[in-house]
Amino acid sequence: MDVWLRSYGGSNLLMLMLMLMLIIFGFFNSVANASFNVTTIRFNDGYSPLFGDGNLVRSPDGKSVRLLLDRFTGSGFISSKMYKHGFFSARIKLPSDYTAGIVVAFYTSNGDVFEKSHDELDFEFLGNIEGKPWRFQTNLYGNGSTNRGREERYRLWFDPTKEFHQYGILWTAHNVIFYIDEVPIREVVRNEVMGGDYPTKPMSLYATIWDASNWATSGGKYKVNYKYAPFVSEFKDLVLDGCASDPIQEVLEASDCTEHNAHLNVQDYVTVTPERRAAMRNFRQHFMYYSYCYDILRYPIPPPECVIIPSEQRRFKDTGRLKFGGSHRRRSKRRGRNPSVSTDNQSSM
């Protein structure tokens, strides 16, 4: 490497790096600009406030909502129905400036109905000190398998505080895909060995903002500074394309989602085209900085859904030394007003 640097010079190296980043960004943008064909709904047609009272502010036309965090409370909303499979998305803009200790979450869960056997699919955005970028993680739980966290952590190729970007969760009987601006960033394919660790029960869709000072930024080193409050996250273009299902009825008798699943399977976001597959590969190569699949201290034998990619394995050979924990789980009841914060330790790299 030193010989290569001497041959090309520092300025040329910088230029090459900039060119590479431009190519990567252009590739992502070309994929992201191929927008999905989705139907958005007004807030009142699919959601209701979860907690936060006046810190949940709906727009006059009902098409968007702001969630605020101040020194008194965070805020959140929940879908009015629970769904068995579907595509759930929103265009989100995150708080700017100093956001240490703040978590903005967009996720599906049934923890308020199945407290000991809940399922969950997460986007969790982890704030940071001023001038540093937001980082985020995705996670998956099935049938209460919280002892086997499946989190991955990433950076973004854009500033999520400057403008809205779409974040989507596709959940089918066969796979789960997390999307950002139509770029798939992670896919979990169900297999028989996973058993109940794959989410199978109806879930609600949630969005929350809350104080996670004890773990969100550098393991709790940096706390929420309410001098910068209120912290505002904005949501619009809400999508709930799922099969509405009663969780109690689901336990007694499987819900009939045949018609909706047929509709789901022909949608654009279900197919990972070669272009999207390449975009996902590029994203994970350049922006993923933790994956549980390569954490050999936690999992000497990788969980059954992990597909070990040699190039990724070489990159994450020391990842097992990192410690992760903490979650928004169990912080509120379905109709709770304010979340309690997990006391687990979690470091934000």
Protein backbone atom coordinates (compact mmCIF):
# COMPACT_ATOMS: atom_id res chain seq x y z
CA MET A 1 0.00 0.00 0.00
CA ASP A 2 2.84 2.43 0.86
CA VAL A 3 4.42 1.83 -2.56
CA TRP A 4 1.08 2.46 -4.20
CA LEU A 5 0.65 5.72 -2.29
CA ARG A 6 4.13 6.93 -3.23
CA SER A 7 3.50 6.06 -6.86
CA TYR A 8 0.28 7.98 -7.13
CA GLY A 9 0.74 10.71 -4.55
CA GLY A 10 -1.63 11.85 -1.81
CA SER A 11 -3.60 14.29 -4.00
CA ASN A 12 -4.17 11.68 -6.69
CA LEU A 13 -5.30 9.20 -4.05
CA LEU A 14 -7.79 11.70 -2.69
CA MET A 15 -9.10 12.31 -6.20
CA LEU A 16 -9.48 8.57 -6.80
CA MET A 17 -11.34 8.16 -3.51
CA LEU A 18 -13.69 11.02 -4.38
CA MET A 19 -14.33 9.53 -7.81
CA LEU A 20 -15.09 6.16 -6.21
CA MET A 21 -17.54 7.72 -3.78
CA LEU A 22 -19.26 9.61 -6.61
CA ILE A 23 -19.63 6.36 -8.53
CA ILE A 24 -21.12 4.66 -5.46
CA PHE A 25 -23.54 7.54 -4.79
CA GLY A 26 -24.54 7.68 -8.44
CA PHE A 27 -25.21 3.96 -8.44
CA PHE A 28 -27.40 4.20 -5.34
CA ASN A 29 -29.27 7.18 -6.76
CA SER A 30 -29.94 5.44 -10.07
CA VAL A 31 -31.55 2.54 -8.21
CA ALA A 32 -33.37 4.75 -5.70
CA ASN A 33 -34.91 6.92 -8.41
CA ALA A 34 -36.90 3.93 -9.66
CA SER A 35 -39.72 4.64 -7.20
CA PHE A 36 -42.03 1.92 -5.96
CA ASN A 37 -45.68 2.05 -6.90
CA VAL A 38 -47.25 2.45 -3.46
CA THR A 39 -50.43 3.98 -2.07
CA THR A 40 -50.03 6.41 0.81
CA ILE A 41 -52.66 7.09 3.47
CA ARG A 42 -53.54 9.95 5.79
CA PHE A 43 -52.49 9.62 9.40
CA ASN A 44 -56.04 9.33 10.76
CA ASP A 45 -56.88 6.59 8.25
CA GLY A 46 -54.29 4.17 9.58
CA TYR A 47 -52.71 5.40 12.80
CA SER A 48 -53.41 6.73 16.26
CA PRO A 49 -51.21 8.47 18.87
CA LEU A 50 -49.26 6.13 21.16
CA PHE A 51 -47.79 8.52 23.73
CA GLY A 52 -46.55 12.08 23.99
CA ASP A 53 -49.79 14.09 23.92
CA GLY A 54 -48.91 17.49 22.43
CA ASN A 55 -45.54 16.26 21.15
CA LEU A 56 -47.31 14.50 18.27
CA VAL A 57 -48.25 17.18 15.74
CA ARG A 58 -50.33 16.33 12.67
CA SER A 59 -50.27 18.50 9.56
CA PRO A 60 -53.53 20.28 8.63
CA ASP A 61 -54.03 17.99 5.63
CA GLY A 62 -53.35 14.85 7.71
CA LYS A 63 -50.67 13.62 5.32
CA SER A 64 -47.70 14.04 7.64
CA VAL A 65 -46.86 14.06 11.33
CA ARG A 66 -44.08 15.39 13.54
CA LEU A 67 -42.78 13.56 16.60
CA LEU A 68 -41.08 15.73 19.20
CA LEU A 69 -38.82 14.96 22.14
CA ASP A 70 -38.44 17.53 24.93
CA ARG A 71 -37.30 17.32 28.55
CA PHE A 72 -40.77 16.11 29.58
CA THR A 73 -41.56 13.36 27.09
CA GLY A 74 -40.91 11.78 23.74
CA SER A 75 -43.75 10.77 21.43
CA GLY A 76 -44.94 8.05 19.12
CA PHE A 77 -47.75 6.61 17.04
CA ILE A 78 -49.07 3.14 16.25
CA SER A 79 -51.08 1.61 13.41
CA SER A 80 -54.76 1.22 14.19
CA LYS A 81 -54.66 -2.41 13.04
CA MET A 82 -52.24 -5.32 13.22
CA TYR A 83 -50.99 -6.96 10.05
CA LYS A 84 -49.83 -10.42 8.96
CA HIS A 85 -47.17 -9.69 6.31
CA GLY A 86 -47.00 -6.59 4.16
CA PHE A 87 -44.96 -3.59 3.09
CA PHE A 88 -44.66 -0.70 5.55
CA SER A 89 -42.84 2.52 4.79
CA ALA A 90 -42.60 6.23 5.45
CA ARG A 91 -40.52 9.13 4.26
CA ILE A 92 -38.64 10.34 7.32
CA LYS A 93 -36.49 13.35 8.16
CA LEU A 94 -34.39 13.09 11.33
CA PRO A 95 -33.49 15.79 13.87
CA SER A 96 -30.35 17.82 13.11
CA ASP A 97 -27.51 19.43 15.08
CA TYR A 98 -26.67 17.83 18.43
CA THR A 99 -28.68 14.60 18.70
CA ALA A 100 -26.64 12.48 21.11
CA GLY A 101 -28.71 10.02 23.13
CA ILE A 102 -31.75 10.23 20.85
CA VAL A 103 -33.35 7.21 19.20
CA VAL A 104 -35.89 7.51 16.40
CA ALA A 105 -37.48 4.12 15.70
CA PHE A 106 -39.66 2.87 12.83
CA TYR A 107 -40.63 -0.73 13.43
CA THR A 108 -43.21 -3.51 13.57
CA SER A 109 -43.91 -5.38 16.79
CA ASN A 110 -46.52 -7.37 18.72
CA GLY A 111 -44.80 -7.11 22.10
CA ASP A 112 -47.87 -5.63 23.77
CA VAL A 113 -49.94 -8.69 22.85
CA PHE A 114 -47.33 -11.45 23.04
CA GLU A 115 -45.08 -10.23 25.84
CA LYS A 116 -43.02 -13.44 26.11
CA SER A 117 -43.09 -14.53 22.49
CA HIS A 118 -43.13 -11.30 20.51
CA ASP A 119 -41.94 -10.67 16.96
CA GLU A 120 -40.23 -7.49 15.80
CA LEU A 121 -38.64 -5.84 12.76
CA ASP A 122 -36.69 -2.63 13.41
CA PHE A 123 -35.17 0.47 11.97
CA GLU A 124 -33.49 2.28 14.87
CA PHE A 125 -31.73 5.58 14.16
CA LEU A 126 -29.07 6.43 16.73
CA GLY A 127 -28.26 10.10 17.28
CA ASN A 128 -24.80 11.55 17.58
CA ILE A 129 -22.83 14.61 18.67
CA GLU A 130 -22.92 17.69 16.47
CA GLY A 131 -20.91 17.32 13.29
CA LYS A 132 -20.97 13.53 13.40
CA PRO A 133 -23.34 11.52 11.22
CA TRP A 134 -26.43 9.65 12.34
CA ARG A 135 -25.96 5.92 12.42
CA PHE A 136 -28.65 3.29 12.49
CA GLN A 137 -29.33 -0.38 12.96
CA THR A 138 -31.81 -2.96 11.75
CA ASN A 139 -32.90 -5.93 13.81
CA LEU A 140 -35.17 -8.96 13.66
CA TYR A 141 -36.80 -10.99 16.44
CA GLY A 142 -39.12 -13.95 16.18
CA ASN A 143 -41.18 -15.63 18.86
CA GLY A 144 -39.43 -13.82 21.69
CA SER A 145 -35.94 -14.76 20.50
CA THR A 146 -34.39 -11.69 22.11
CA ASN A 147 -31.53 -13.84 23.38
CA ARG A 148 -30.46 -14.06 19.74
CA GLY A 149 -30.28 -10.48 18.54
CA ARG A 150 -29.91 -10.11 14.81
CA GLU A 151 -28.73 -6.54 14.60
CA GLU A 152 -26.65 -4.95 11.89
CA ARG A 153 -25.32 -1.39 12.04
CA TYR A 154 -24.63 1.07 9.26
CA ARG A 155 -23.80 4.57 8.13
CA LEU A 156 -25.71 6.36 5.36
CA TRP A 157 -24.62 7.73 2.01
CA PHE A 158 -26.59 10.95 2.62
CA ASP A 159 -27.49 13.33 5.44
CA PRO A 160 -30.88 12.13 6.79
CA THR A 161 -31.54 15.48 8.47
CA LYS A 162 -31.53 17.58 5.30
CA GLU A 163 -34.45 16.06 3.42
CA PHE A 164 -36.92 13.19 3.50
CA HIS A 165 -35.89 9.65 2.57
CA GLN A 166 -38.05 6.55 2.32
CA TYR A 167 -37.49 3.69 4.78
CA GLY A 168 -39.41 0.49 4.13
CA ILE A 169 -39.89 -2.95 5.65
CA LEU A 170 -41.10 -5.82 3.46
CA TRP A 171 -42.28 -8.84 5.45
CA THR A 172 -43.52 -11.97 3.69
CA ALA A 173 -43.79 -15.63 4.64
CA HIS A 174 -40.49 -16.20 2.84
CA ASN A 175 -38.25 -13.22 3.55
CA VAL A 176 -37.75 -9.82 5.15
CA ILE A 177 -36.17 -6.94 3.24
CA PHE A 178 -35.19 -3.55 4.67
CA TYR A 179 -35.22 -0.75 2.09
CA ILE A 180 -33.89 2.79 1.96
CA ASP A 181 -35.03 4.82 -1.05
CA GLU A 182 -35.78 1.62 -2.97
CA VAL A 183 -32.28 0.29 -2.28
CA PRO A 184 -32.44 -3.03 -0.40
CA ILE A 185 -29.89 -2.86 2.40
CA ARG A 186 -30.60 -6.20 4.07
CA GLU A 187 -32.48 -9.40 3.32
CA VAL A 188 -33.25 -12.23 5.73
CA VAL A 189 -34.52 -15.37 4.00
CA ARG A 190 -36.57 -17.78 6.07
CA ASN A 191 -35.45 -21.39 6.29
CA GLU A 192 -36.66 -24.39 8.23
CA VAL A 193 -33.77 -24.33 10.69
CA MET A 194 -34.80 -20.87 11.93
CA GLY A 195 -38.04 -22.35 13.25
CA GLY A 196 -39.89 -19.89 15.48
CA ASP A 197 -37.07 -17.35 15.27
CA TYR A 198 -38.70 -16.02 12.10
CA PRO A 199 -41.54 -13.48 12.72
CA THR A 200 -44.88 -15.13 12.06
CA LYS A 201 -47.57 -13.40 14.16
CA PRO A 202 -49.52 -10.22 13.29
CA MET A 203 -47.71 -7.00 14.16
CA SER A 204 -48.49 -3.32 14.55
CA LEU A 205 -46.42 -0.58 12.91
CA TYR A 206 -44.82 1.94 15.28
CA ALA A 207 -42.84 5.17 15.08
CA THR A 208 -41.25 6.76 18.16
CA ILE A 209 -38.69 9.27 19.35
CA TRP A 210 -37.26 8.91 22.85
CA ASP A 211 -34.37 9.54 25.23
CA ALA A 212 -31.86 6.67 25.21
CA SER A 213 -29.05 8.55 26.93
CA ASN A 214 -27.86 5.47 28.79
CA TRP A 215 -26.77 3.58 25.64
CA ALA A 216 -27.43 5.19 22.26
CA THR A 217 -24.26 7.25 21.73
CA SER A 218 -20.84 5.81 22.62
CA GLY A 219 -22.35 3.49 25.19
CA GLY A 220 -24.00 6.35 27.08
CA LYS A 221 -20.95 8.63 27.16
CA TYR A 222 -22.92 11.39 25.43
CA LYS A 223 -26.37 12.22 26.79
CA VAL A 224 -29.35 14.09 25.38
CA ASN A 225 -28.72 17.83 25.76
CA TYR A 226 -32.10 19.50 26.13
CA LYS A 227 -30.59 22.88 25.35
CA TYR A 228 -31.22 21.84 21.74
CA ALA A 229 -34.82 20.69 22.37
CA PRO A 230 -37.32 20.16 21.01
CA PHE A 231 -35.89 17.46 18.76
CA VAL A 232 -38.17 16.95 15.78
CA SER A 233 -38.54 13.93 13.51
CA GLU A 234 -40.94 14.19 10.57
CA PHE A 235 -42.92 11.45 8.82
CA LYS A 236 -44.90 11.62 5.58
CA ASP A 237 -46.02 9.41 2.67
CA LEU A 238 -47.16 6.73 5.09
CA VAL A 239 -47.70 3.26 3.58
CA LEU A 240 -49.56 0.36 5.24
CA ASP A 241 -49.89 -2.34 2.60
CA GLY A 242 -50.59 -5.38 4.76
CA CYS A 243 -53.16 -8.05 5.55
CA ALA A 244 -55.12 -6.84 8.58
CA SER A 245 -55.31 -9.67 11.09
CA ASP A 246 -56.61 -10.21 14.62
CA PRO A 247 -53.77 -11.66 16.74
CA ILE A 248 -56.10 -13.61 19.02
CA GLN A 249 -57.92 -15.13 16.06
CA GLU A 250 -54.52 -15.91 14.57
CA VAL A 251 -53.71 -18.07 17.59
CA LEU A 252 -56.98 -19.95 17.30
CA GLU A 253 -57.17 -20.21 13.54
CA ALA A 254 -54.76 -19.02 10.87
CA SER A 255 -55.87 -15.81 9.16
CA ASP A 256 -56.75 -16.04 5.49
CA CYS A 257 -54.34 -13.68 3.81
CA THR A 258 -54.27 -15.60 0.54
CA GLU A 259 -55.67 -12.77 -1.57
CA HIS A 260 -53.41 -10.15 -0.05
CA ASN A 261 -50.32 -12.35 -0.32
CA ALA A 262 -51.06 -12.83 -4.00
CA HIS A 263 -51.27 -9.03 -4.34
CA LEU A 264 -48.06 -8.60 -2.39
CA ASN A 265 -46.08 -11.09 -4.45
CA VAL A 266 -46.56 -9.15 -7.69
CA GLN A 267 -45.44 -5.78 -6.30
CA ASP A 268 -42.25 -4.17 -7.48
CA TYR A 269 -40.66 -4.11 -4.03
CA VAL A 270 -40.86 -7.91 -3.68
CA THR A 271 -38.42 -8.55 -6.52
CA VAL A 272 -34.74 -7.94 -5.88
CA THR A 273 -33.54 -7.27 -9.41
CA PRO A 274 -29.87 -7.74 -10.38
CA GLU A 275 -29.45 -3.95 -10.14
CA ARG A 276 -30.90 -3.88 -6.63
CA ARG A 277 -28.82 -6.88 -5.63
CA ALA A 278 -25.70 -5.04 -6.78
CA ALA A 279 -26.77 -1.89 -4.90
CA MET A 280 -27.31 -3.93 -1.73
CA ARG A 281 -23.89 -5.51 -2.11
CA ASN A 282 -22.27 -2.09 -2.53
CA PHE A 283 -24.13 -0.65 0.45
CA ARG A 284 -23.10 -3.47 2.73
CA GLN A 285 -19.50 -3.32 1.55
CA HIS A 286 -19.11 0.42 2.15
CA PHE A 287 -21.57 1.34 4.91
CA MET A 288 -22.19 -1.67 7.16
CA TYR A 289 -19.90 -1.66 10.20
CA TYR A 290 -21.39 -4.42 12.34
CA SER A 291 -23.15 -7.70 11.56
CA TYR A 292 -24.11 -10.32 14.13
CA CYS A 293 -23.33 -13.04 11.58
CA TYR A 294 -19.60 -12.34 12.00
CA ASP A 295 -19.63 -11.83 15.77
CA ILE A 296 -17.81 -15.01 16.74
CA LEU A 297 -17.82 -14.20 20.46
CA ARG A 298 -21.60 -14.06 20.58
CA TYR A 299 -22.17 -16.76 18.01
CA PRO A 300 -19.23 -19.16 17.51
CA ILE A 301 -21.59 -20.96 15.15
CA PRO A 302 -23.45 -18.40 12.99
CA PRO A 303 -27.26 -18.44 13.30
CA PRO A 304 -28.94 -20.57 10.61
CA GLU A 305 -30.14 -17.70 8.42
CA CYS A 306 -26.65 -16.23 8.04
CA VAL A 307 -25.08 -16.42 4.61
CA ILE A 308 -21.34 -16.10 5.20
CA ILE A 309 -19.63 -14.07 2.48
CA PRO A 310 -15.83 -14.52 2.62
CA SER A 311 -15.04 -10.88 1.78
CA GLU A 312 -17.37 -9.69 4.55
CA GLN A 313 -16.00 -12.28 6.95
CA ARG A 314 -12.47 -10.98 6.44
CA ARG A 315 -13.64 -7.43 7.04
CA PHE A 316 -15.43 -8.27 10.28
CA LYS A 317 -12.85 -10.62 11.74
CA ASP A 318 -12.56 -8.51 14.93
CA THR A 319 -16.24 -7.61 15.28
CA GLY A 320 -16.75 -10.13 18.06
CA ARG A 321 -14.99 -7.76 20.42
CA LEU A 322 -17.79 -5.23 20.17
CA LYS A 323 -20.65 -5.21 22.65
CA PHE A 324 -24.18 -4.44 21.63
CA GLY A 325 -27.44 -4.32 23.56
CA GLY A 326 -30.23 -1.94 24.45
CA SER A 327 -33.50 -1.66 22.64
CA HIS A 328 -36.75 0.22 22.52
CA ARG A 329 -38.52 -3.02 23.42
CA ARG A 330 -40.69 -3.03 26.53
CA ARG A 331 -40.48 0.73 26.93
CA SER A 332 -44.22 1.28 26.65
CA LYS A 333 -47.51 -0.50 26.65
CA ARG A 334 -49.75 -0.27 23.62
CA ARG A 335 -51.55 2.72 25.06
CA GLY A 336 -48.74 3.92 27.29
CA ARG A 337 -47.85 7.58 27.53
CA ASN A 338 -44.10 7.53 27.99
CA PRO A 339 -41.49 4.82 27.42
CA SER A 340 -39.20 3.37 30.01
CA VAL A 341 -35.61 3.05 28.84
CA SER A 342 -33.68 -0.19 28.69
CA THR A 343 -30.76 -0.42 31.08
CA ASP A 344 -28.70 -2.67 28.83
CA ASN A 345 -25.33 -1.37 27.71
CA GLN A 346 -24.82 -0.55 24.08
CA SER A 347 -21.94 1.16 22.36
CA SER A 348 -22.32 3.31 19.28
CA MET A 349 -19.20 3.21 17.21
